[in-house]
Amino acid sequence: MTLTVSFYHLKFSPLEKITPRLVEKVYASGLRAFILVEDDERLTQLNTSLWTYSTLAFLPHGCRLDSETTKDQQPIWLSTTLENPNQSTVCVVTNQTVVEDPASFGFNRILDIFDATLPENIENFHKRHSFYAAKKATITVWEQTKEGWQAWTNPAIT
């Protein structure tokens, strides 16, 4: 199966506001998601955001700080370590990590979300984009604008 990678350039909203909305779409489509974060502080922030981002929606999930006994039953799992304890097909990357062999984890889709207001993050994005392009992944790049999301036509030169 072909790997699909979607990059999300955040310019106006923090990760804690955007990630739950993207994961909600994954969950609504009947898929499982694994969310990779950089440290326990971000894990706690995002865990809280998933519980509280909307009064009209519910995203059942667990994280590495919870009981490990039910992690395989969670439709959404958060961790600081690249793994796939809940048999997810979607990997949500929030720490600019390249998932070098997504198929070995069972992932066929990667959502890569990052703060595009920092120049070093743009440089890291180009490296990740090049890596996935070399793997012949289907790549979509979304830039956050004041009006919503806009697809880039040629992200390699931006």
C-alpha atoms as a PDB file:
ATOM      1  CA  MET A   1       0.000   0.000   0.000  1.00  0.00           C
ATOM      2  CA  THR A   2       1.229   3.492  -0.840  1.00  0.00           C
ATOM      3  CA  LEU A   3       2.260   5.755   1.996  1.00  0.00           C
ATOM      4  CA  THR A   4       0.323   9.020   2.220  1.00  0.00           C
ATOM      5  CA  VAL A   5       1.910  11.961   4.043  1.00  0.00           C
ATOM      6  CA  SER A   6       0.095  15.200   4.847  1.00  0.00           C
ATOM      7  CA  PHE A   7       2.085  18.113   6.223  1.00  0.00           C
ATOM      8  CA  TYR A   8       0.277  20.829   8.191  1.00  0.00           C
ATOM      9  CA  HIS A   9       2.088  24.179   8.511  1.00  0.00           C
ATOM     10  CA  LEU A  10       0.698  25.930  11.586  1.00  0.00           C
ATOM     11  CA  LYS A  11       0.950  29.701  11.407  1.00  0.00           C
ATOM     12  CA  PHE A  12      -1.955  31.044  13.463  1.00  0.00           C
ATOM     13  CA  SER A  13      -3.113  28.282  15.829  1.00  0.00           C
ATOM     14  CA  PRO A  14      -1.170  26.213  18.344  1.00  0.00           C
ATOM     15  CA  LEU A  15      -0.696  22.484  18.005  1.00  0.00           C
ATOM     16  CA  GLU A  16      -3.097  21.859  20.912  1.00  0.00           C
ATOM     17  CA  LYS A  17      -5.962  23.434  18.939  1.00  0.00           C
ATOM     18  CA  ILE A  18      -5.318  21.862  15.534  1.00  0.00           C
ATOM     19  CA  THR A  19      -4.328  18.304  16.468  1.00  0.00           C
ATOM     20  CA  PRO A  20      -7.662  17.371  18.111  1.00  0.00           C
ATOM     21  CA  ARG A  21      -9.573  18.553  15.028  1.00  0.00           C
ATOM     22  CA  LEU A  22      -7.422  16.486  12.689  1.00  0.00           C
ATOM     23  CA  VAL A  23      -7.585  13.436  14.949  1.00  0.00           C
ATOM     24  CA  GLU A  24     -11.361  13.849  15.190  1.00  0.00           C
ATOM     25  CA  LYS A  25     -11.539  13.383  11.402  1.00  0.00           C
ATOM     26  CA  VAL A  26      -9.384  10.257  11.634  1.00  0.00           C
ATOM     27  CA  TYR A  27     -11.566   8.820  14.389  1.00  0.00           C
ATOM     28  CA  ALA A  28     -14.817   9.735  12.571  1.00  0.00           C
ATOM     29  CA  SER A  29     -13.621   7.785   9.540  1.00  0.00           C
ATOM     30  CA  GLY A  30     -13.256   4.648  11.681  1.00  0.00           C
ATOM     31  CA  LEU A  31      -9.452   4.664  11.779  1.00  0.00           C
ATOM     32  CA  ARG A  32      -7.088   4.463  14.730  1.00  0.00           C
ATOM     33  CA  ALA A  33      -4.409   7.073  15.380  1.00  0.00           C
ATOM     34  CA  PHE A  34      -1.068   7.064  17.123  1.00  0.00           C
ATOM     35  CA  ILE A  35       0.218  10.517  18.160  1.00  0.00           C
ATOM     36  CA  LEU A  36       3.966  11.025  18.625  1.00  0.00           C
ATOM     37  CA  VAL A  37       5.034  13.933  20.863  1.00  0.00           C
ATOM     38  CA  GLU A  38       8.457  15.189  21.924  1.00  0.00           C
ATOM     39  CA  ASP A  39       8.226  15.005  25.739  1.00  0.00           C
ATOM     40  CA  ASP A  40       5.987  14.420  28.744  1.00  0.00           C
ATOM     41  CA  GLU A  41       5.076  18.107  28.998  1.00  0.00           C
ATOM     42  CA  ARG A  42       3.690  18.126  25.437  1.00  0.00           C
ATOM     43  CA  LEU A  43       2.063  14.752  26.044  1.00  0.00           C
ATOM     44  CA  THR A  44       0.202  16.144  29.053  1.00  0.00           C
ATOM     45  CA  GLN A  45      -0.835  19.284  27.142  1.00  0.00           C
ATOM     46  CA  LEU A  46      -2.118  17.344  24.152  1.00  0.00           C
ATOM     47  CA  ASN A  47      -3.797  14.723  26.339  1.00  0.00           C
ATOM     48  CA  THR A  48      -5.721  17.523  28.079  1.00  0.00           C
ATOM     49  CA  SER A  49      -6.555  19.150  24.739  1.00  0.00           C
ATOM     50  CA  LEU A  50      -8.032  15.923  23.392  1.00  0.00           C
ATOM     51  CA  TRP A  51     -10.353  15.730  26.405  1.00  0.00           C
ATOM     52  CA  THR A  52     -11.390  19.382  26.440  1.00  0.00           C
ATOM     53  CA  TYR A  53     -11.164  20.821  22.912  1.00  0.00           C
ATOM     54  CA  SER A  54     -14.933  20.662  22.294  1.00  0.00           C
ATOM     55  CA  THR A  55     -18.073  20.288  24.369  1.00  0.00           C
ATOM     56  CA  LEU A  56     -19.780  18.670  21.364  1.00  0.00           C
ATOM     57  CA  ALA A  57     -17.236  15.952  20.605  1.00  0.00           C
ATOM     58  CA  PHE A  58     -15.541  13.104  22.421  1.00  0.00           C
ATOM     59  CA  LEU A  59     -12.241  11.535  21.442  1.00  0.00           C
ATOM     60  CA  PRO A  60     -11.582   8.332  23.382  1.00  0.00           C
ATOM     61  CA  HIS A  61      -7.870   7.988  23.894  1.00  0.00           C
ATOM     62  CA  GLY A  62      -5.103   7.001  26.209  1.00  0.00           C
ATOM     63  CA  CYS A  63      -1.455   7.882  26.644  1.00  0.00           C
ATOM     64  CA  ARG A  64       1.811   6.506  27.860  1.00  0.00           C
ATOM     65  CA  LEU A  65       1.120   8.006  31.297  1.00  0.00           C
ATOM     66  CA  ASP A  66      -2.092   5.972  31.642  1.00  0.00           C
ATOM     67  CA  SER A  67      -2.465   2.300  32.417  1.00  0.00           C
ATOM     68  CA  GLU A  68      -0.576   0.243  29.862  1.00  0.00           C
ATOM     69  CA  THR A  69      -3.095  -2.598  30.140  1.00  0.00           C
ATOM     70  CA  THR A  70      -5.681  -1.040  27.829  1.00  0.00           C
ATOM     71  CA  LYS A  71      -3.465   0.656  25.259  1.00  0.00           C
ATOM     72  CA  ASP A  72      -4.289  -1.918  22.571  1.00  0.00           C
ATOM     73  CA  GLN A  73      -7.996  -1.069  23.001  1.00  0.00           C
ATOM     74  CA  GLN A  74      -7.618   2.703  22.598  1.00  0.00           C
ATOM     75  CA  PRO A  75      -8.582   4.144  19.192  1.00  0.00           C
ATOM     76  CA  ILE A  76      -6.126   7.000  19.833  1.00  0.00           C
ATOM     77  CA  TRP A  77      -2.818   6.595  21.667  1.00  0.00           C
ATOM     78  CA  LEU A  78      -0.230   9.252  22.597  1.00  0.00           C
ATOM     79  CA  SER A  79       3.409   8.546  23.372  1.00  0.00           C
ATOM     80  CA  THR A  80       6.895  10.034  23.375  1.00  0.00           C
ATOM     81  CA  THR A  81       8.245   6.859  21.750  1.00  0.00           C
ATOM     82  CA  LEU A  82       7.544   5.720  18.211  1.00  0.00           C
ATOM     83  CA  GLU A  83       5.426   2.604  18.603  1.00  0.00           C
ATOM     84  CA  ASN A  84       1.999   1.299  17.603  1.00  0.00           C
ATOM     85  CA  PRO A  85       0.381  -0.440  20.569  1.00  0.00           C
ATOM     86  CA  ASN A  86      -3.183   0.173  19.349  1.00  0.00           C
ATOM     87  CA  GLN A  87      -2.715  -1.094  15.773  1.00  0.00           C
ATOM     88  CA  SER A  88      -3.137   2.364  14.226  1.00  0.00           C
ATOM     89  CA  THR A  89      -2.886   2.968  10.510  1.00  0.00           C
ATOM     90  CA  VAL A  90      -2.460   6.732  10.996  1.00  0.00           C
ATOM     91  CA  CYS A  91       0.610   8.216  12.676  1.00  0.00           C
ATOM     92  CA  VAL A  92       0.321  11.838  13.789  1.00  0.00           C
ATOM     93  CA  VAL A  93       3.786  13.352  14.181  1.00  0.00           C
ATOM     94  CA  THR A  94       4.039  16.501  16.289  1.00  0.00           C
ATOM     95  CA  ASN A  95       7.776  16.482  16.996  1.00  0.00           C
ATOM     96  CA  GLN A  96       9.266  16.650  13.472  1.00  0.00           C
ATOM     97  CA  THR A  97      10.405  13.030  13.533  1.00  0.00           C
ATOM     98  CA  VAL A  98      10.894  11.151  10.282  1.00  0.00           C
ATOM     99  CA  VAL A  99       9.128   7.805  10.471  1.00  0.00           C
ATOM    100  CA  GLU A 100      11.765   5.907   8.519  1.00  0.00           C
ATOM    101  CA  ASP A 101       9.858   2.666   8.012  1.00  0.00           C
ATOM    102  CA  PRO A 102       6.154   3.373   8.566  1.00  0.00           C
ATOM    103  CA  ALA A 103       5.054   0.001   7.168  1.00  0.00           C
ATOM    104  CA  SER A 104       7.001  -1.850   9.872  1.00  0.00           C
ATOM    105  CA  PHE A 105       4.739  -0.139  12.423  1.00  0.00           C
ATOM    106  CA  GLY A 106       1.576  -0.704  10.379  1.00  0.00           C
ATOM    107  CA  PHE A 107       1.195   2.960   9.358  1.00  0.00           C
ATOM    108  CA  ASN A 108       0.037   3.830   5.845  1.00  0.00           C
ATOM    109  CA  ARG A 109      -0.688   7.476   6.568  1.00  0.00           C
ATOM    110  CA  ILE A 110       1.331  10.165   8.342  1.00  0.00           C
ATOM    111  CA  LEU A 111      -0.015  13.531   9.485  1.00  0.00           C
ATOM    112  CA  ASP A 112       2.993  15.759  10.197  1.00  0.00           C
ATOM    113  CA  ILE A 113       1.986  18.897  12.139  1.00  0.00           C
ATOM    114  CA  PHE A 114       4.479  21.644  12.940  1.00  0.00           C
ATOM    115  CA  ASP A 115       4.879  25.311  13.849  1.00  0.00           C
ATOM    116  CA  ALA A 116       5.807  27.026  10.582  1.00  0.00           C
ATOM    117  CA  THR A 117       6.600  30.352  12.245  1.00  0.00           C
ATOM    118  CA  LEU A 118      10.094  29.153  13.183  1.00  0.00           C
ATOM    119  CA  PRO A 119      12.703  29.096  10.373  1.00  0.00           C
ATOM    120  CA  GLU A 120      14.397  25.952  11.709  1.00  0.00           C
ATOM    121  CA  ASN A 121      11.078  24.094  11.492  1.00  0.00           C
ATOM    122  CA  ILE A 122      10.751  25.024   7.809  1.00  0.00           C
ATOM    123  CA  GLU A 123      14.257  23.696   7.175  1.00  0.00           C
ATOM    124  CA  ASN A 124      13.368  20.459   8.995  1.00  0.00           C
ATOM    125  CA  PHE A 125      10.127  20.226   6.993  1.00  0.00           C
ATOM    126  CA  HIS A 126      12.106  20.310   3.732  1.00  0.00           C
ATOM    127  CA  LYS A 127      14.258  17.414   4.957  1.00  0.00           C
ATOM    128  CA  ARG A 128      11.208  15.343   5.925  1.00  0.00           C
ATOM    129  CA  HIS A 129       9.452  16.198   2.669  1.00  0.00           C
ATOM    130  CA  SER A 130      12.510  15.085   0.673  1.00  0.00           C
ATOM    131  CA  PHE A 131      12.770  11.859   2.645  1.00  0.00           C
ATOM    132  CA  TYR A 132       9.136  10.886   1.999  1.00  0.00           C
ATOM    133  CA  ALA A 133       9.311  11.999  -1.643  1.00  0.00           C
ATOM    134  CA  ALA A 134      12.295   9.671  -2.138  1.00  0.00           C
ATOM    135  CA  LYS A 135      10.121   6.867  -0.742  1.00  0.00           C
ATOM    136  CA  LYS A 136       7.518   7.669  -3.444  1.00  0.00           C
ATOM    137  CA  ALA A 137       4.917   8.692  -0.861  1.00  0.00           C
ATOM    138  CA  THR A 138       1.838  10.598  -1.931  1.00  0.00           C
ATOM    139  CA  ILE A 139       2.408  13.996  -0.321  1.00  0.00           C
ATOM    140  CA  THR A 140      -0.003  16.817   0.424  1.00  0.00           C
ATOM    141  CA  VAL A 141       1.136  20.031   2.063  1.00  0.00           C
ATOM    142  CA  TRP A 142      -1.360  22.297   3.821  1.00  0.00           C
ATOM    143  CA  GLU A 143      -0.531  25.823   4.913  1.00  0.00           C
ATOM    144  CA  GLN A 144      -2.682  27.487   7.535  1.00  0.00           C
ATOM    145  CA  THR A 145      -3.959  30.890   6.388  1.00  0.00           C
ATOM    146  CA  LYS A 146      -6.258  33.370   8.092  1.00  0.00           C
ATOM    147  CA  GLU A 147      -9.089  32.007   5.925  1.00  0.00           C
ATOM    148  CA  GLY A 148      -8.380  28.306   6.565  1.00  0.00           C
ATOM    149  CA  TRP A 149      -6.116  25.770   4.875  1.00  0.00           C
ATOM    150  CA  GLN A 150      -4.485  26.157   1.480  1.00  0.00           C
ATOM    151  CA  ALA A 151      -2.768  23.353  -0.425  1.00  0.00           C
ATOM    152  CA  TRP A 152       0.723  24.096  -1.727  1.00  0.00           C
ATOM    153  CA  THR A 153       1.377  23.238  -5.323  1.00  0.00           C
ATOM    154  CA  ASN A 154       5.176  23.007  -5.049  1.00  0.00           C
ATOM    155  CA  PRO A 155       6.326  22.844  -1.416  1.00  0.00           C
ATOM    156  CA  ALA A 156       9.877  21.793  -2.314  1.00  0.00           C
ATOM    157  CA  ILE A 157      10.734  25.309  -3.506  1.00  0.00           C
ATOM    158  CA  THR A 158       8.822  27.370  -0.955  1.00  0.00           C
END
